[in-house]
Amino acid sequence: MLMLALLLALLVVLVVMLVTRRHIGRLGSLATLIAGIMLALWPIDSGLMPGSKGPLEGDRATIARNR
């Protein structure tokens, strides 16, 4: 749900940049910040971070047992 809200916010910022053509530097910085947050949250939502449930959970358990 958070990713959807961030995606919507990013799209709004990009549309405002194209329509108004004012404060491009500030809006560009805001768009970069939103995109960076989305990029940081993406592996967590995908279950790729340690401790999260995801597609690699079984592989991690197998690797941990073999050590």
PDB file of N, CA and C in Angstrom:
ATOM      1  N   MET A   1       0.824  -1.188   0.000  1.00  0.00           N
ATOM      2  CA  MET A   1       0.000   0.000   0.000  1.00  0.00           C
ATOM      3  C   MET A   1       0.875   1.262   0.000  1.00  0.00           C
ATOM      4  N   LEU A   2       1.977   1.193   0.759  1.00  0.00           N
ATOM      5  CA  LEU A   2       2.894   2.329   0.794  1.00  0.00           C
ATOM      6  C   LEU A   2       3.538   2.544  -0.577  1.00  0.00           C
ATOM      7  N   MET A   3       3.896   1.450  -1.236  1.00  0.00           N
ATOM      8  CA  MET A   3       4.504   1.576  -2.568  1.00  0.00           C
ATOM      9  C   MET A   3       3.532   2.214  -3.552  1.00  0.00           C
ATOM     10  N   LEU A   4       2.263   1.860  -3.443  1.00  0.00           N
ATOM     11  CA  LEU A   4       1.250   2.444  -4.328  1.00  0.00           C
ATOM     12  C   LEU A   4       1.116   3.943  -4.070  1.00  0.00           C
ATOM     13  N   ALA A   5       1.117   4.336  -2.803  1.00  0.00           N
ATOM     14  CA  ALA A   5       1.028   5.758  -2.466  1.00  0.00           C
ATOM     15  C   ALA A   5       2.255   6.513  -2.966  1.00  0.00           C
ATOM     16  N   LEU A   6       3.434   5.909  -2.818  1.00  0.00           N
ATOM     17  CA  LEU A   6       4.653   6.558  -3.309  1.00  0.00           C
ATOM     18  C   LEU A   6       4.666   6.657  -4.830  1.00  0.00           C
ATOM     19  N   LEU A   7       4.173   5.628  -5.496  1.00  0.00           N
ATOM     20  CA  LEU A   7       4.097   5.669  -6.957  1.00  0.00           C
ATOM     21  C   LEU A   7       3.146   6.766  -7.418  1.00  0.00           C
ATOM     22  N   LEU A   8       2.022   6.882  -6.747  1.00  0.00           N
ATOM     23  CA  LEU A   8       1.066   7.934  -7.083  1.00  0.00           C
ATOM     24  C   LEU A   8       1.678   9.313  -6.848  1.00  0.00           C
ATOM     25  N   ALA A   9       2.387   9.481  -5.723  1.00  0.00           N
ATOM     26  CA  ALA A   9       3.039  10.760  -5.436  1.00  0.00           C
ATOM     27  C   ALA A   9       4.098  11.089  -6.486  1.00  0.00           C
ATOM     28  N   LEU A  10       4.855  10.084  -6.907  1.00  0.00           N
ATOM     29  CA  LEU A  10       5.876  10.297  -7.930  1.00  0.00           C
ATOM     30  C   LEU A  10       5.237  10.722  -9.253  1.00  0.00           C
ATOM     31  N   LEU A  11       4.162  10.073  -9.616  1.00  0.00           N
ATOM     32  CA  LEU A  11       3.482  10.441 -10.854  1.00  0.00           C
ATOM     33  C   LEU A  11       2.918  11.856 -10.784  1.00  0.00           C
ATOM     34  N   VAL A  12       2.383  12.237  -9.636  1.00  0.00           N
ATOM     35  CA  VAL A  12       1.857  13.598  -9.475  1.00  0.00           C
ATOM     36  C   VAL A  12       2.981  14.616  -9.614  1.00  0.00           C
ATOM     37  N   VAL A  13       4.112  14.359  -9.000  1.00  0.00           N
ATOM     38  CA  VAL A  13       5.247  15.283  -9.086  1.00  0.00           C
ATOM     39  C   VAL A  13       5.728  15.400 -10.530  1.00  0.00           C
ATOM     40  N   LEU A  14       5.808  14.280 -11.229  1.00  0.00           N
ATOM     41  CA  LEU A  14       6.250  14.332 -12.629  1.00  0.00           C
ATOM     42  C   LEU A  14       5.271  15.091 -13.511  1.00  0.00           C
ATOM     43  N   VAL A  15       3.989  14.914 -13.284  1.00  0.00           N
ATOM     44  CA  VAL A  15       2.978  15.648 -14.068  1.00  0.00           C
ATOM     45  C   VAL A  15       3.062  17.138 -13.768  1.00  0.00           C
ATOM     46  N   VAL A  16       3.221  17.489 -12.497  1.00  0.00           N
ATOM     47  CA  VAL A  16       3.345  18.904 -12.136  1.00  0.00           C
ATOM     48  C   VAL A  16       4.585  19.505 -12.786  1.00  0.00           C
ATOM     49  N   MET A  17       5.668  18.746 -12.846  1.00  0.00           N
ATOM     50  CA  MET A  17       6.879  19.242 -13.504  1.00  0.00           C
ATOM     51  C   MET A  17       6.627  19.530 -14.978  1.00  0.00           C
ATOM     52  N   LEU A  18       5.903  18.633 -15.635  1.00  0.00           N
ATOM     53  CA  LEU A  18       5.654  18.810 -17.064  1.00  0.00           C
ATOM     54  C   LEU A  18       4.652  19.925 -17.346  1.00  0.00           C
ATOM     55  N   VAL A  19       3.655  20.059 -16.497  1.00  0.00           N
ATOM     56  CA  VAL A  19       2.598  21.032 -16.755  1.00  0.00           C
ATOM     57  C   VAL A  19       3.027  22.450 -16.400  1.00  0.00           C
ATOM     58  N   THR A  20       3.570  22.650 -15.210  1.00  0.00           N
ATOM     59  CA  THR A  20       3.866  24.018 -14.776  1.00  0.00           C
ATOM     60  C   THR A  20       5.211  24.527 -15.276  1.00  0.00           C
ATOM     61  N   ARG A  21       6.195  23.647 -15.397  1.00  0.00           N
ATOM     62  CA  ARG A  21       7.552  24.026 -15.809  1.00  0.00           C
ATOM     63  C   ARG A  21       8.155  25.109 -14.900  1.00  0.00           C
ATOM     64  N   ARG A  22       7.744  25.089 -13.633  1.00  0.00           N
ATOM     65  CA  ARG A  22       8.322  25.980 -12.628  1.00  0.00           C
ATOM     66  C   ARG A  22       8.881  25.131 -11.504  1.00  0.00           C
ATOM     67  N   HIS A  23       9.867  25.653 -10.836  1.00  0.00           N
ATOM     68  CA  HIS A  23      10.498  24.968  -9.704  1.00  0.00           C
ATOM     69  C   HIS A  23      10.965  23.565 -10.097  1.00  0.00           C
ATOM     70  N   ILE A  24      11.531  23.451 -11.283  1.00  0.00           N
ATOM     71  CA  ILE A  24      11.961  22.148 -11.788  1.00  0.00           C
ATOM     72  C   ILE A  24      13.022  21.528 -10.888  1.00  0.00           C
ATOM     73  N   GLY A  25      13.930  22.335 -10.368  1.00  0.00           N
ATOM     74  CA  GLY A  25      14.986  21.810  -9.501  1.00  0.00           C
ATOM     75  C   GLY A  25      14.433  21.207  -8.223  1.00  0.00           C
ATOM     76  N   ARG A  26      13.531  21.925  -7.577  1.00  0.00           N
ATOM     77  CA  ARG A  26      12.932  21.419  -6.334  1.00  0.00           C
ATOM     78  C   ARG A  26      12.062  20.199  -6.593  1.00  0.00           C
ATOM     79  N   LEU A  27      11.266  20.260  -7.651  1.00  0.00           N
ATOM     80  CA  LEU A  27      10.406  19.120  -7.961  1.00  0.00           C
ATOM     81  C   LEU A  27      11.236  17.911  -8.394  1.00  0.00           C
ATOM     82  N   GLY A  28      12.330  18.162  -9.080  1.00  0.00           N
ATOM     83  CA  GLY A  28      13.223  17.071  -9.459  1.00  0.00           C
ATOM     84  C   GLY A  28      13.851  16.417  -8.242  1.00  0.00           C
ATOM     85  N   SER A  29      14.223  17.249  -7.272  1.00  0.00           N
ATOM     86  CA  SER A  29      14.776  16.707  -6.028  1.00  0.00           C
ATOM     87  C   SER A  29      13.732  15.889  -5.273  1.00  0.00           C
ATOM     88  N   LEU A  30      12.506  16.365  -5.251  1.00  0.00           N
ATOM     89  CA  LEU A  30      11.432  15.631  -4.593  1.00  0.00           C
ATOM     90  C   LEU A  30      11.163  14.313  -5.306  1.00  0.00           C
ATOM     91  N   ALA A  31      11.163  14.341  -6.633  1.00  0.00           N
ATOM     92  CA  ALA A  31      10.956  13.107  -7.399  1.00  0.00           C
ATOM     93  C   ALA A  31      12.092  12.115  -7.143  1.00  0.00           C
ATOM     94  N   THR A  32      13.311  12.606  -7.042  1.00  0.00           N
ATOM     95  CA  THR A  32      14.452  11.731  -6.756  1.00  0.00           C
ATOM     96  C   THR A  32      14.339  11.131  -5.364  1.00  0.00           C
ATOM     97  N   LEU A  33      13.913  11.925  -4.396  1.00  0.00           N
ATOM     98  CA  LEU A  33      13.736  11.432  -3.035  1.00  0.00           C
ATOM     99  C   LEU A  33      12.665  10.342  -2.981  1.00  0.00           C
ATOM    100  N   ILE A  34      11.540  10.575  -3.635  1.00  0.00           N
ATOM    101  CA  ILE A  34      10.464   9.583  -3.649  1.00  0.00           C
ATOM    102  C   ILE A  34      10.929   8.305  -4.345  1.00  0.00           C
ATOM    103  N   ALA A  35      11.624   8.441  -5.463  1.00  0.00           N
ATOM    104  CA  ALA A  35      12.120   7.266  -6.178  1.00  0.00           C
ATOM    105  C   ALA A  35      13.156   6.508  -5.341  1.00  0.00           C
ATOM    106  N   GLY A  36      13.989   7.218  -4.594  1.00  0.00           N
ATOM    107  CA  GLY A  36      14.965   6.567  -3.724  1.00  0.00           C
ATOM    108  C   GLY A  36      14.300   5.786  -2.599  1.00  0.00           C
ATOM    109  N   ILE A  37      13.263   6.344  -2.023  1.00  0.00           N
ATOM    110  CA  ILE A  37      12.514   5.637  -0.984  1.00  0.00           C
ATOM    111  C   ILE A  37      11.869   4.385  -1.558  1.00  0.00           C
ATOM    112  N   MET A  38      11.305   4.509  -2.750  1.00  0.00           N
ATOM    113  CA  MET A  38      10.690   3.347  -3.393  1.00  0.00           C
ATOM    114  C   MET A  38      11.736   2.262  -3.667  1.00  0.00           C
ATOM    115  N   LEU A  39      12.914   2.680  -4.109  1.00  0.00           N
ATOM    116  CA  LEU A  39      13.980   1.727  -4.396  1.00  0.00           C
ATOM    117  C   LEU A  39      14.475   1.040  -3.125  1.00  0.00           C
ATOM    118  N   ALA A  40      14.475   1.760  -2.009  1.00  0.00           N
ATOM    119  CA  ALA A  40      14.898   1.166  -0.742  1.00  0.00           C
ATOM    120  C   ALA A  40      13.856   0.196  -0.195  1.00  0.00           C
ATOM    121  N   LEU A  41      12.591   0.459  -0.448  1.00  0.00           N
ATOM    122  CA  LEU A  41      11.519  -0.388   0.073  1.00  0.00           C
ATOM    123  C   LEU A  41      11.218  -1.595  -0.819  1.00  0.00           C
ATOM    124  N   TRP A  42      11.627  -1.541  -2.077  1.00  0.00           N
ATOM    125  CA  TRP A  42      11.301  -2.613  -3.009  1.00  0.00           C
ATOM    126  C   TRP A  42      11.810  -3.992  -2.570  1.00  0.00           C
ATOM    127  N   PRO A  43      13.066  -4.143  -2.134  1.00  0.00           N
ATOM    128  CA  PRO A  43      13.514  -5.481  -1.708  1.00  0.00           C
ATOM    129  C   PRO A  43      12.773  -5.989  -0.476  1.00  0.00           C
ATOM    130  N   ILE A  44      12.359  -5.088   0.386  1.00  0.00           N
ATOM    131  CA  ILE A  44      11.610  -5.505   1.573  1.00  0.00           C
ATOM    132  C   ILE A  44      10.254  -6.040   1.155  1.00  0.00           C
ATOM    133  N   ASP A  45       9.569  -5.336   0.255  1.00  0.00           N
ATOM    134  CA  ASP A  45       8.262  -5.794  -0.225  1.00  0.00           C
ATOM    135  C   ASP A  45       8.376  -7.091  -1.014  1.00  0.00           C
ATOM    136  N   SER A  46       9.488  -7.293  -1.680  1.00  0.00           N
ATOM    137  CA  SER A  46       9.677  -8.510  -2.477  1.00  0.00           C
ATOM    138  C   SER A  46      10.084  -9.697  -1.624  1.00  0.00           C
ATOM    139  N   GLY A  47      10.426  -9.453  -0.372  1.00  0.00           N
ATOM    140  CA  GLY A  47      10.854 -10.530   0.517  1.00  0.00           C
ATOM    141  C   GLY A  47      12.295 -10.932   0.304  1.00  0.00           C
ATOM    142  N   LEU A  48      13.111 -10.046  -0.196  1.00  0.00           N
ATOM    143  CA  LEU A  48      14.505 -10.369  -0.490  1.00  0.00           C
ATOM    144  C   LEU A  48      15.465  -9.988   0.633  1.00  0.00           C
ATOM    145  N   MET A  49      14.967  -9.304   1.651  1.00  0.00           N
ATOM    146  CA  MET A  49      15.831  -8.899   2.761  1.00  0.00           C
ATOM    147  C   MET A  49      15.862 -10.004   3.816  1.00  0.00           C
ATOM    148  N   PRO A  50      16.964 -10.170   4.510  1.00  0.00           N
ATOM    149  CA  PRO A  50      17.045 -11.192   5.562  1.00  0.00           C
ATOM    150  C   PRO A  50      15.971 -10.970   6.630  1.00  0.00           C
ATOM    151  N   GLY A  51      15.370 -12.053   7.050  1.00  0.00           N
ATOM    152  CA  GLY A  51      14.336 -11.977   8.067  1.00  0.00           C
ATOM    153  C   GLY A  51      12.941 -11.786   7.525  1.00  0.00           C
ATOM    154  N   SER A  52      12.810 -11.606   6.212  1.00  0.00           N
ATOM    155  CA  SER A  52      11.488 -11.413   5.627  1.00  0.00           C
ATOM    156  C   SER A  52      11.035 -12.697   4.945  1.00  0.00           C
ATOM    157  N   LYS A  53       9.755 -12.876   4.881  1.00  0.00           N
ATOM    158  CA  LYS A  53       9.190 -14.034   4.185  1.00  0.00           C
ATOM    159  C   LYS A  53       9.185 -13.720   2.691  1.00  0.00           C
ATOM    160  N   GLY A  54       9.716 -14.602   1.899  1.00  0.00           N
ATOM    161  CA  GLY A  54       9.765 -14.332   0.478  1.00  0.00           C
ATOM    162  C   GLY A  54      10.218 -15.533  -0.304  1.00  0.00           C
ATOM    163  N   PRO A  55      10.498 -15.345  -1.581  1.00  0.00           N
ATOM    164  CA  PRO A  55      10.838 -16.459  -2.449  1.00  0.00           C
ATOM    165  C   PRO A  55      12.163 -17.133  -2.112  1.00  0.00           C
ATOM    166  N   LEU A  56      13.043 -16.466  -1.407  1.00  0.00           N
ATOM    167  CA  LEU A  56      14.344 -17.043  -1.089  1.00  0.00           C
ATOM    168  C   LEU A  56      14.413 -17.616   0.322  1.00  0.00           C
ATOM    169  N   GLU A  57      13.288 -17.668   1.021  1.00  0.00           N
ATOM    170  CA  GLU A  57      13.297 -18.115   2.409  1.00  0.00           C
ATOM    171  C   GLU A  57      13.810 -19.550   2.542  1.00  0.00           C
ATOM    172  N   GLY A  58      13.367 -20.451   1.688  1.00  0.00           N
ATOM    173  CA  GLY A  58      13.824 -21.835   1.741  1.00  0.00           C
ATOM    174  C   GLY A  58      15.294 -21.963   1.407  1.00  0.00           C
ATOM    175  N   ASP A  59      15.776 -21.192   0.470  1.00  0.00           N
ATOM    176  CA  ASP A  59      17.193 -21.230   0.106  1.00  0.00           C
ATOM    177  C   ASP A  59      18.069 -20.766   1.257  1.00  0.00           C
ATOM    178  N   ARG A  60      17.625 -19.734   1.984  1.00  0.00           N
ATOM    179  CA  ARG A  60      18.407 -19.237   3.115  1.00  0.00           C
ATOM    180  C   ARG A  60      18.509 -20.304   4.200  1.00  0.00           C
ATOM    181  N   ALA A  61      17.395 -21.005   4.458  1.00  0.00           N
ATOM    182  CA  ALA A  61      17.411 -22.038   5.490  1.00  0.00           C
ATOM    183  C   ALA A  61      18.345 -23.177   5.089  1.00  0.00           C
ATOM    184  N   THR A  62      18.340 -23.539   3.824  1.00  0.00           N
ATOM    185  CA  THR A  62      19.221 -24.623   3.334  1.00  0.00           C
ATOM    186  C   THR A  62      20.675 -24.216   3.454  1.00  0.00           C
ATOM    187  N   ILE A  63      20.989 -22.998   3.094  1.00  0.00           N
ATOM    188  CA  ILE A  63      22.370 -22.508   3.169  1.00  0.00           C
ATOM    189  C   ILE A  63      22.817 -22.450   4.626  1.00  0.00           C
ATOM    190  N   ALA A  64      21.933 -22.013   5.530  1.00  0.00           N
ATOM    191  CA  ALA A  64      22.295 -21.909   6.936  1.00  0.00           C
ATOM    192  C   ALA A  64      22.562 -23.291   7.540  1.00  0.00           C
ATOM    193  N   ARG A  65      21.812 -24.296   7.135  1.00  0.00           N
ATOM    194  CA  ARG A  65      22.020 -25.642   7.666  1.00  0.00           C
ATOM    195  C   ARG A  65      23.302 -26.272   7.144  1.00  0.00           C
ATOM    196  N   ASN A  66      23.701 -25.913   5.930  1.00  0.00           N
ATOM    197  CA  ASN A  66      24.890 -26.514   5.326  1.00  0.00           C
ATOM    198  C   ASN A  66      26.181 -25.892   5.840  1.00  0.00           C
ATOM    199  N   ARG A  67      26.107 -24.832   6.571  1.00  0.00           N
ATOM    200  CA  ARG A  67      27.333 -24.178   7.071  1.00  0.00           C
ATOM    201  C   ARG A  67      27.872 -24.886   8.256  1.00  0.00           C
TER     202      ARG A  67
END
